[in-house]
């Protein structure tokens, strides 16, 4: 349950070399095609969602306030009824999920540890911990917690298998198993291992089918179906190893939207999953609307705010984009990737000292993958060229090539 929810926060295309000197939004597409840069409004305007009349029509209804006199939140009661669970257990699971969405990882871990003690065969504890490690890695677009994620994932699979030997709780057990398989597929897709990712995705779809059979009214598994349909279509069109098949992108998004509106566990995850689908399609208006909707309840969610900043950058709303990255650093002062994207924003604004400081900060970190390091050095080289600092540009390009095998930097060296 927890795994399926937050695995979606890790969704992206493979980490790319960052050769695009624009906003880098193509790093979150499988196709890798840079998003078209919107023309600069004249005069500049606020973020597009400021005008309610300009909001895309398919957003879910406004957040429903809870009854302060109810013993349990409405969604906890619904989850218990649909999944045939004790309502106290369902509520504790939902609270742990909420902590992760809200980026309260310490509180989430405490909740998960207690759930592991009280329900040792559910896999809840290690599954949730695996999600936290994945979220931390995606916040920085790195793989620094890969070992911890794999250990937690292996333990969760073992505990779920033990639980499935006992009659009862079939729906939640299959749902957890699907979540674990789904996050494994997402992790492999980030690594560019498309075929292995699709194999994990197919296993997750099969597990979701078992969960739906055990709880026919459970809407949330349809998010996994929708994601698989959408991304299988996208991925199959990028490799000759897979037949194209029918285009199921719209049908996949329709399922995601249903969970966004009706899900008892995965509504916020569906919102972010849709955001990345719109980014894949370069539908920036809908992508931004989804991130703004997500901020209503989870203003400190780093992944959502980082995504919003990148979309705003591509739409040329630079001040708003910088504000998003600063919000990231307020919620997570040790975040590294926000410095990289602040450098992108300042570069687009021709704020050369500020941009240089942010890129230099990012290149000093040891954790970013080589491709990301190379991209930062490449952007520093571009910055130096714009200022006529040719010798420094050459050094930056050379580091981009030697560290990250950055092809754009290699080509740029030939122009100096």
Protein backbone atom coordinates (compact mmCIF):
# COMPACT_ATOMS: atom_id res chain seq x y z
CA UNK A 1 0.00 0.00 0.00
CA UNK A 2 2.59 2.55 1.07
CA UNK A 3 4.99 1.33 -1.57
CA UNK A 4 2.50 1.69 -4.37
CA UNK A 5 1.64 5.18 -3.22
CA UNK A 6 5.09 6.66 -3.02
CA UNK A 7 6.71 4.61 -5.73
CA UNK A 8 4.89 6.94 -8.07
CA UNK A 9 6.83 9.85 -6.66
CA UNK A 10 9.92 8.31 -8.19
CA UNK A 11 8.50 8.23 -11.69
CA UNK A 12 10.67 9.69 -14.41
CA UNK A 13 12.39 8.80 -17.58
CA UNK A 14 16.05 7.82 -17.42
CA UNK A 15 18.58 10.33 -16.15
CA UNK A 16 19.96 11.96 -19.27
CA UNK A 17 23.17 13.73 -19.94
CA UNK A 18 21.61 17.15 -19.67
CA UNK A 19 22.88 18.29 -23.08
CA UNK A 20 19.92 20.63 -23.57
CA UNK A 21 21.04 24.12 -22.53
CA UNK A 22 17.47 25.09 -21.73
CA UNK A 23 15.54 23.98 -18.66
CA UNK A 24 16.47 20.29 -18.63
CA UNK A 25 12.82 19.23 -18.48
CA UNK A 26 13.56 16.53 -21.05
CA UNK A 27 15.33 14.60 -18.29
CA UNK A 28 11.85 13.58 -17.15
CA UNK A 29 10.72 12.28 -20.51
CA UNK A 30 11.43 8.89 -22.02
CA UNK A 31 11.61 10.45 -25.47
CA UNK A 32 14.19 12.97 -24.26
CA UNK A 33 12.77 15.64 -26.57
CA UNK A 34 13.21 19.09 -25.07
CA UNK A 35 9.99 20.86 -24.24
CA UNK A 36 9.23 23.84 -26.45
CA UNK A 37 10.20 27.06 -24.68
CA UNK A 38 7.17 29.28 -24.24
CA UNK A 39 7.56 32.84 -25.51
CA UNK A 40 8.37 35.41 -22.86
CA UNK A 41 5.14 37.24 -22.01
CA UNK A 42 5.27 40.98 -22.43
CA UNK A 43 4.83 42.32 -19.85
CA UNK A 44 5.79 39.35 -17.64
CA UNK A 45 2.85 37.74 -15.86
CA UNK A 46 2.41 35.59 -12.77
CA UNK A 47 2.20 31.82 -12.86
CA UNK A 48 -0.60 30.67 -15.19
CA UNK A 49 -2.65 29.13 -12.39
CA UNK A 50 -3.16 32.53 -10.77
CA UNK A 51 -6.30 33.02 -12.87
CA UNK A 52 -9.00 30.46 -11.94
CA UNK A 53 -10.52 30.79 -15.39
CA UNK A 54 -7.25 29.54 -16.86
CA UNK A 55 -7.18 26.34 -14.80
CA UNK A 56 -7.46 23.15 -16.90
CA UNK A 57 -10.98 21.74 -16.62
CA UNK A 58 -10.07 18.18 -15.60
CA UNK A 59 -8.60 18.87 -12.17
CA UNK A 60 -10.24 16.88 -9.35
CA UNK A 61 -12.66 18.60 -6.98
CA UNK A 62 -11.34 20.85 -4.26
CA UNK A 63 -10.05 19.17 -1.12
CA UNK A 64 -12.92 17.98 1.10
CA UNK A 65 -12.61 19.09 4.76
CA UNK A 66 -12.78 16.35 7.36
CA UNK A 67 -15.53 16.08 9.99
CA UNK A 68 -13.76 17.11 13.24
CA UNK A 69 -16.15 14.91 15.26
CA UNK A 70 -15.52 11.70 13.33
CA UNK A 71 -13.59 8.93 15.05
CA UNK A 72 -11.52 8.33 11.90
CA UNK A 73 -10.94 10.31 8.70
CA UNK A 74 -13.35 9.59 5.86
CA UNK A 75 -10.76 7.95 3.64
CA UNK A 76 -9.55 5.67 6.43
CA UNK A 77 -13.08 4.40 6.93
CA UNK A 78 -13.51 3.86 3.20
CA UNK A 79 -10.17 2.06 2.95
CA UNK A 80 -11.13 -0.27 5.79
CA UNK A 81 -14.48 -1.11 4.22
CA UNK A 82 -13.11 -1.66 0.72
CA UNK A 83 -10.06 -3.69 1.79
CA UNK A 84 -11.81 -5.62 4.56
CA UNK A 85 -9.42 -4.29 7.21
CA UNK A 86 -9.73 -3.19 10.79
CA UNK A 87 -10.30 0.56 10.62
CA UNK A 88 -7.58 1.29 13.18
CA UNK A 89 -5.02 -0.57 11.04
CA UNK A 90 -6.21 1.15 7.87
CA UNK A 91 -5.96 4.53 9.57
CA UNK A 92 -2.42 3.86 10.79
CA UNK A 93 -1.36 2.86 7.30
CA UNK A 94 -2.90 5.99 5.83
CA UNK A 95 -1.19 8.18 8.43
CA UNK A 96 2.18 6.71 7.53
CA UNK A 97 1.47 7.42 3.86
CA UNK A 98 0.48 10.99 4.71
CA UNK A 99 3.75 11.53 6.58
CA UNK A 100 5.70 10.47 3.50
CA UNK A 101 3.66 12.66 1.16
CA UNK A 102 4.22 15.58 3.53
CA UNK A 103 7.96 14.79 3.67
CA UNK A 104 7.90 14.08 7.38
CA UNK A 105 10.21 11.12 7.01
CA UNK A 106 11.16 10.73 10.68
CA UNK A 107 7.51 10.61 11.72
CA UNK A 108 6.83 8.17 8.89
CA UNK A 109 9.62 5.85 10.02
CA UNK A 110 8.35 5.86 13.60
CA UNK A 111 4.86 4.97 12.38
CA UNK A 112 6.20 2.23 10.13
CA UNK A 113 8.37 0.76 12.87
CA UNK A 114 5.35 0.49 15.17
CA UNK A 115 3.29 -1.09 12.39
CA UNK A 116 6.05 -3.64 11.85
CA UNK A 117 5.91 -4.58 15.53
CA UNK A 118 2.13 -4.93 15.60
CA UNK A 119 1.75 -6.46 12.11
CA UNK A 120 5.05 -8.30 11.45
CA UNK A 121 3.92 -10.30 8.41
CA UNK A 122 2.45 -7.46 6.37
CA UNK A 123 5.68 -6.03 4.95
CA UNK A 124 4.43 -2.53 5.81
CA UNK A 125 7.57 -1.41 7.65
CA UNK A 126 10.32 -2.31 5.17
CA UNK A 127 8.09 -1.44 2.22
CA UNK A 128 7.55 2.06 3.55
CA UNK A 129 11.24 2.43 4.28
CA UNK A 130 12.05 1.45 0.70
CA UNK A 131 9.73 4.20 -0.47
CA UNK A 132 11.46 6.76 1.73
CA UNK A 133 14.85 5.81 0.28
CA UNK A 134 13.47 6.08 -3.24
CA UNK A 135 11.96 9.48 -2.48
CA UNK A 136 15.25 10.74 -1.04
CA UNK A 137 17.12 9.56 -4.15
CA UNK A 138 14.66 11.14 -6.52
CA UNK A 139 14.73 14.42 -4.63
CA UNK A 140 18.38 14.68 -5.65
CA UNK A 141 18.22 12.67 -8.90
CA UNK A 142 20.91 10.36 -7.55
CA UNK A 143 21.31 6.80 -6.30
CA UNK A 144 23.00 7.35 -2.95
CA UNK A 145 20.58 5.13 -1.00
CA UNK A 146 20.40 2.33 -3.54
CA UNK A 147 21.89 -0.28 -1.19
CA UNK A 148 19.50 0.66 1.64
CA UNK A 149 16.56 0.60 -0.77
CA UNK A 150 17.46 -2.87 -2.04
CA UNK A 151 17.83 -4.25 1.50
CA UNK A 152 14.46 -2.81 2.56
CA UNK A 153 12.84 -4.05 -0.65
CA UNK A 154 14.17 -7.60 -0.21
CA UNK A 155 12.91 -7.72 3.38
CA UNK A 156 9.50 -6.41 2.36
CA UNK A 157 9.15 -9.12 -0.32
CA UNK A 158 10.05 -11.79 2.23
CA UNK A 159 7.55 -10.51 4.79
CA UNK A 160 4.78 -10.22 2.21
CA UNK A 161 5.45 -13.80 1.07
CA UNK A 162 5.14 -14.99 4.67
CA UNK A 163 1.88 -13.09 5.08
CA UNK A 164 0.44 -14.62 1.93
CA UNK A 165 0.79 -18.08 3.46
CA UNK A 166 -1.87 -17.09 6.00
CA UNK A 167 -5.54 -16.78 5.07
CA UNK A 168 -6.90 -13.23 5.21
CA UNK A 169 -5.73 -9.75 4.17
CA UNK A 170 -5.38 -10.93 0.55
CA UNK A 171 -6.25 -7.55 -0.96
CA UNK A 172 -3.71 -5.53 0.99
CA UNK A 173 -1.02 -8.18 0.57
CA UNK A 174 -1.37 -8.31 -3.21
CA UNK A 175 -1.54 -4.53 -3.32
CA UNK A 176 1.69 -4.26 -1.33
CA UNK A 177 3.35 -6.83 -3.58
CA UNK A 178 2.28 -4.86 -6.64
CA UNK A 179 3.70 -1.72 -5.10
CA UNK A 180 7.04 -3.39 -4.49
CA UNK A 181 7.16 -4.69 -8.05
CA UNK A 182 6.11 -1.31 -9.38
CA UNK A 183 8.82 0.59 -7.56
CA UNK A 184 11.39 -1.95 -8.73
CA UNK A 185 10.28 -1.28 -12.29
CA UNK A 186 10.46 2.46 -11.80
CA UNK A 187 13.94 2.15 -10.36
CA UNK A 188 15.07 0.12 -13.38
CA UNK A 189 13.47 2.63 -15.75
CA UNK A 190 15.42 5.44 -14.10
CA UNK A 191 18.52 3.38 -14.82
CA UNK A 192 17.52 3.07 -18.46
CA UNK A 193 16.85 -0.69 -18.15
CA UNK A 194 13.63 -0.55 -20.16
CA UNK A 195 13.01 -4.25 -20.75
CA UNK A 196 13.63 -5.18 -17.12
CA UNK A 197 11.41 -2.28 -16.08
CA UNK A 198 8.58 -3.52 -18.26
CA UNK A 199 8.94 -7.03 -16.84
CA UNK A 200 8.56 -5.65 -13.32
CA UNK A 201 5.64 -3.54 -14.50
CA UNK A 202 3.89 -6.58 -15.94
CA UNK A 203 4.41 -8.47 -12.66
CA UNK A 204 2.91 -5.50 -10.81
CA UNK A 205 -0.11 -5.47 -13.12
CA UNK A 206 -0.67 -9.18 -12.43
CA UNK A 207 -0.47 -8.60 -8.69
CA UNK A 208 -2.87 -5.69 -9.00
CA UNK A 209 -5.32 -8.01 -10.74
CA UNK A 210 -5.21 -10.28 -7.69
CA UNK A 211 -5.76 -7.31 -5.40
CA UNK A 212 -8.77 -6.20 -7.44
CA UNK A 213 -10.20 -9.72 -7.37
CA UNK A 214 -9.94 -9.73 -3.57
CA UNK A 215 -11.46 -6.23 -3.28
CA UNK A 216 -13.54 -5.43 -6.41
CA UNK A 217 -14.47 -1.92 -5.21
CA UNK A 218 -10.85 -0.91 -4.69
CA UNK A 219 -10.20 1.90 -7.21
CA UNK A 220 -6.56 2.62 -6.34
CA UNK A 221 -5.01 -0.34 -8.24
CA UNK A 222 -6.24 1.25 -11.44
CA UNK A 223 -3.44 3.76 -11.05
CA UNK A 224 -0.95 0.96 -11.66
CA UNK A 225 -2.94 -0.18 -14.68
CA UNK A 226 -3.07 3.36 -16.03
CA UNK A 227 0.63 3.97 -15.53
CA UNK A 228 1.53 0.68 -17.17
CA UNK A 229 -0.70 1.37 -20.17
CA UNK A 230 0.66 4.90 -20.59
CA UNK A 231 4.36 4.19 -20.15
CA UNK A 232 4.32 0.93 -22.07
CA UNK A 233 3.07 2.88 -25.07
CA UNK A 234 5.73 5.55 -24.60
CA UNK A 235 8.58 3.09 -24.07
CA UNK A 236 7.60 0.74 -26.89
CA UNK A 237 7.82 3.65 -29.31
CA UNK A 238 11.40 4.30 -28.22
CA UNK A 239 12.82 0.82 -28.78
CA UNK A 240 12.76 -1.56 -31.73
CA UNK A 241 12.81 -4.49 -29.31
CA UNK A 242 9.13 -4.05 -28.47
CA UNK A 243 6.14 -3.99 -30.82
CA UNK A 244 4.31 -0.69 -30.74
CA UNK A 245 0.85 -2.13 -30.12
CA UNK A 246 -2.18 0.12 -29.61
CA UNK A 247 -1.72 3.64 -28.30
CA UNK A 248 -3.09 3.43 -24.75
CA UNK A 249 -1.85 6.76 -23.43
CA UNK A 250 -5.24 8.45 -23.19
CA UNK A 251 -6.87 5.37 -21.66
CA UNK A 252 -4.02 5.20 -19.16
CA UNK A 253 -4.43 8.82 -18.18
CA UNK A 254 -8.16 8.32 -17.76
CA UNK A 255 -7.50 5.62 -15.16
CA UNK A 256 -4.99 7.85 -13.38
CA UNK A 257 -7.56 10.64 -13.24
CA UNK A 258 -10.15 8.28 -11.76
CA UNK A 259 -7.79 7.37 -8.92
CA UNK A 260 -6.87 11.02 -8.47
CA UNK A 261 -10.54 11.77 -7.75
CA UNK A 262 -11.76 8.55 -6.11
CA UNK A 263 -8.74 6.78 -4.61
CA UNK A 264 -8.63 6.14 -0.87
CA UNK A 265 -4.83 5.80 -0.69
CA UNK A 266 -3.24 6.95 -3.93
CA UNK A 267 -5.02 10.16 -4.87
CA UNK A 268 -1.95 12.41 -4.38
CA UNK A 269 0.29 9.85 -6.08
CA UNK A 270 -2.05 9.86 -9.07
CA UNK A 271 -1.75 13.64 -9.28
CA UNK A 272 2.03 13.43 -9.51
CA UNK A 273 1.88 10.50 -11.93
CA UNK A 274 -0.31 12.61 -14.20
CA UNK A 275 2.13 15.50 -13.88
CA UNK A 276 4.88 13.38 -15.41
CA UNK A 277 2.57 12.16 -18.15
CA UNK A 278 1.84 15.76 -19.10
CA UNK A 279 5.55 16.56 -18.98
CA UNK A 280 6.18 13.65 -21.35
CA UNK A 281 3.67 15.27 -23.72
CA UNK A 282 5.02 18.80 -23.14
CA UNK A 283 1.57 19.86 -21.94
CA UNK A 284 3.03 22.38 -19.51
CA UNK A 285 -0.27 24.02 -18.59
CA UNK A 286 -1.74 20.77 -17.28
CA UNK A 287 1.56 19.74 -15.69
CA UNK A 288 1.77 23.00 -13.75
CA UNK A 289 -1.86 22.78 -12.69
CA UNK A 290 -1.22 19.34 -11.19
CA UNK A 291 1.78 20.54 -9.20
CA UNK A 292 -0.15 23.53 -7.87
CA UNK A 293 -3.00 21.23 -6.84
CA UNK A 294 -0.52 18.99 -5.04
CA UNK A 295 0.90 21.96 -3.14
CA UNK A 296 -2.49 22.71 -1.59
CA UNK A 297 -2.09 19.82 0.84
CA UNK A 298 1.63 19.06 0.70
CA UNK A 299 3.47 22.39 0.40
CA UNK A 300 6.79 20.87 1.54
CA UNK A 301 6.86 17.93 -0.85
CA UNK A 302 10.27 18.36 -2.44
CA UNK A 303 9.62 16.27 -5.54
CA UNK A 304 6.42 18.14 -6.38
CA UNK A 305 8.02 21.56 -5.81
CA UNK A 306 11.09 20.62 -7.84
CA UNK A 307 8.86 19.51 -10.68
CA UNK A 308 6.84 22.72 -10.47
CA UNK A 309 10.05 24.74 -10.67
CA UNK A 310 11.16 22.98 -13.81
CA UNK A 311 7.79 23.45 -15.50
CA UNK A 312 7.74 27.14 -14.53
CA UNK A 313 11.25 27.54 -15.94
CA UNK A 314 10.16 26.05 -19.24
CA UNK A 315 7.20 28.46 -19.25
CA UNK A 316 9.62 31.37 -18.61
CA UNK A 317 8.18 32.21 -15.22
CA UNK A 318 11.63 32.55 -13.77
CA UNK A 319 10.92 34.34 -10.50
CA UNK A 320 8.22 31.79 -9.62
CA UNK A 321 10.58 28.96 -10.56
CA UNK A 322 13.33 30.34 -8.33
CA UNK A 323 10.78 30.61 -5.54
CA UNK A 324 9.98 26.93 -5.89
CA UNK A 325 13.62 25.90 -5.60
CA UNK A 326 14.08 28.14 -2.58
CA UNK A 327 11.04 26.44 -1.04
CA UNK A 328 12.80 23.12 -1.65
CA UNK A 329 15.89 24.34 0.20
CA UNK A 330 13.73 25.58 3.06
CA UNK A 331 12.08 22.17 3.46
CA UNK A 332 15.29 20.23 2.75
CA UNK A 333 18.38 22.43 3.33
CA UNK A 334 20.70 19.59 2.31
CA UNK A 335 19.06 19.16 -1.09
CA UNK A 336 21.65 19.33 -3.85
CA UNK A 337 19.67 19.28 -7.08
CA UNK A 338 17.88 22.54 -6.27
CA UNK A 339 21.22 24.34 -6.67
CA UNK A 340 21.58 22.95 -10.17
CA UNK A 341 18.14 24.13 -11.22
CA UNK A 342 18.57 27.52 -9.56
CA UNK A 343 21.66 27.84 -11.73
CA UNK A 344 19.53 27.11 -14.79
CA UNK A 345 17.00 29.80 -13.79
CA UNK A 346 19.65 32.42 -13.09
CA UNK A 347 21.38 31.61 -16.38
CA UNK A 348 18.15 32.21 -18.25
CA UNK A 349 17.85 35.55 -16.43
CA UNK A 350 21.47 36.45 -17.27
CA UNK A 351 22.27 36.65 -13.55
CA UNK A 352 25.77 35.39 -14.15
CA UNK A 353 27.30 35.59 -10.63
CA UNK A 354 24.28 33.90 -9.07
CA UNK A 355 24.18 31.17 -11.71
CA UNK A 356 27.91 30.52 -11.40
CA UNK A 357 27.62 30.22 -7.62
CA UNK A 358 24.80 27.66 -7.86
CA UNK A 359 26.50 25.50 -10.49
CA UNK A 360 29.80 25.65 -8.61
CA UNK A 361 28.02 24.56 -5.44
CA UNK A 362 26.48 21.62 -7.28
CA UNK A 363 29.72 20.45 -8.89
CA UNK A 364 31.38 20.38 -5.46
CA UNK A 365 29.01 17.65 -4.21
CA UNK A 366 30.29 14.09 -4.38
CA UNK A 367 26.91 12.34 -4.69
CA UNK A 368 25.48 13.42 -8.08
CA UNK A 369 25.86 10.79 -10.84
CA UNK A 370 28.60 11.48 -13.42
CA UNK A 371 26.08 12.50 -16.10
CA UNK A 372 24.56 15.10 -13.77
CA UNK A 373 28.02 16.39 -12.82
CA UNK A 374 28.89 16.62 -16.49
CA UNK A 375 25.73 18.55 -17.24
CA UNK A 376 26.56 21.10 -14.53
CA UNK A 377 30.08 21.59 -15.88
CA UNK A 378 28.65 21.98 -19.38
CA UNK A 379 26.26 24.67 -18.21
CA UNK A 380 29.12 26.43 -16.46
CA UNK A 381 30.97 26.39 -19.76
CA UNK A 382 28.01 27.97 -21.52
CA UNK A 383 27.89 30.61 -18.80
CA UNK A 384 31.56 31.45 -19.24
CA UNK A 385 31.23 31.69 -23.03
CA UNK A 386 28.43 34.23 -22.65
CA UNK A 387 30.78 36.35 -20.55
CA UNK A 388 33.77 35.99 -22.88
CA UNK A 389 35.70 33.87 -20.34
CA UNK A 390 37.04 31.46 -22.95
CA UNK A 391 39.79 29.79 -20.94
CA UNK A 392 37.39 29.01 -18.08
CA UNK A 393 34.81 27.76 -20.57
CA UNK A 394 37.35 25.35 -22.04
CA UNK A 395 38.20 23.99 -18.59
CA UNK A 396 34.52 23.54 -17.75
CA UNK A 397 33.79 21.76 -21.04
CA UNK A 398 36.78 19.45 -20.54
CA UNK A 399 35.51 18.49 -17.10
CA UNK A 400 32.04 17.90 -18.53
CA UNK A 401 33.56 15.47 -21.02
CA UNK A 402 35.94 13.71 -18.63
CA UNK A 403 33.43 13.37 -15.78
CA UNK A 404 30.12 12.93 -17.54
CA UNK A 405 31.00 12.06 -21.17
CA UNK A 406 28.86 15.04 -22.12
CA UNK A 407 28.56 15.11 -25.92
CA UNK A 408 27.33 18.69 -26.07
CA UNK A 409 30.45 19.81 -24.23
CA UNK A 410 32.61 17.75 -26.56
CA UNK A 411 31.10 19.53 -29.55
CA UNK A 412 31.38 22.91 -27.84
CA UNK A 413 35.14 22.41 -27.36
CA UNK A 414 35.51 22.39 -31.11
CA UNK A 415 34.02 25.86 -31.35
CA UNK A 416 36.42 27.58 -28.97
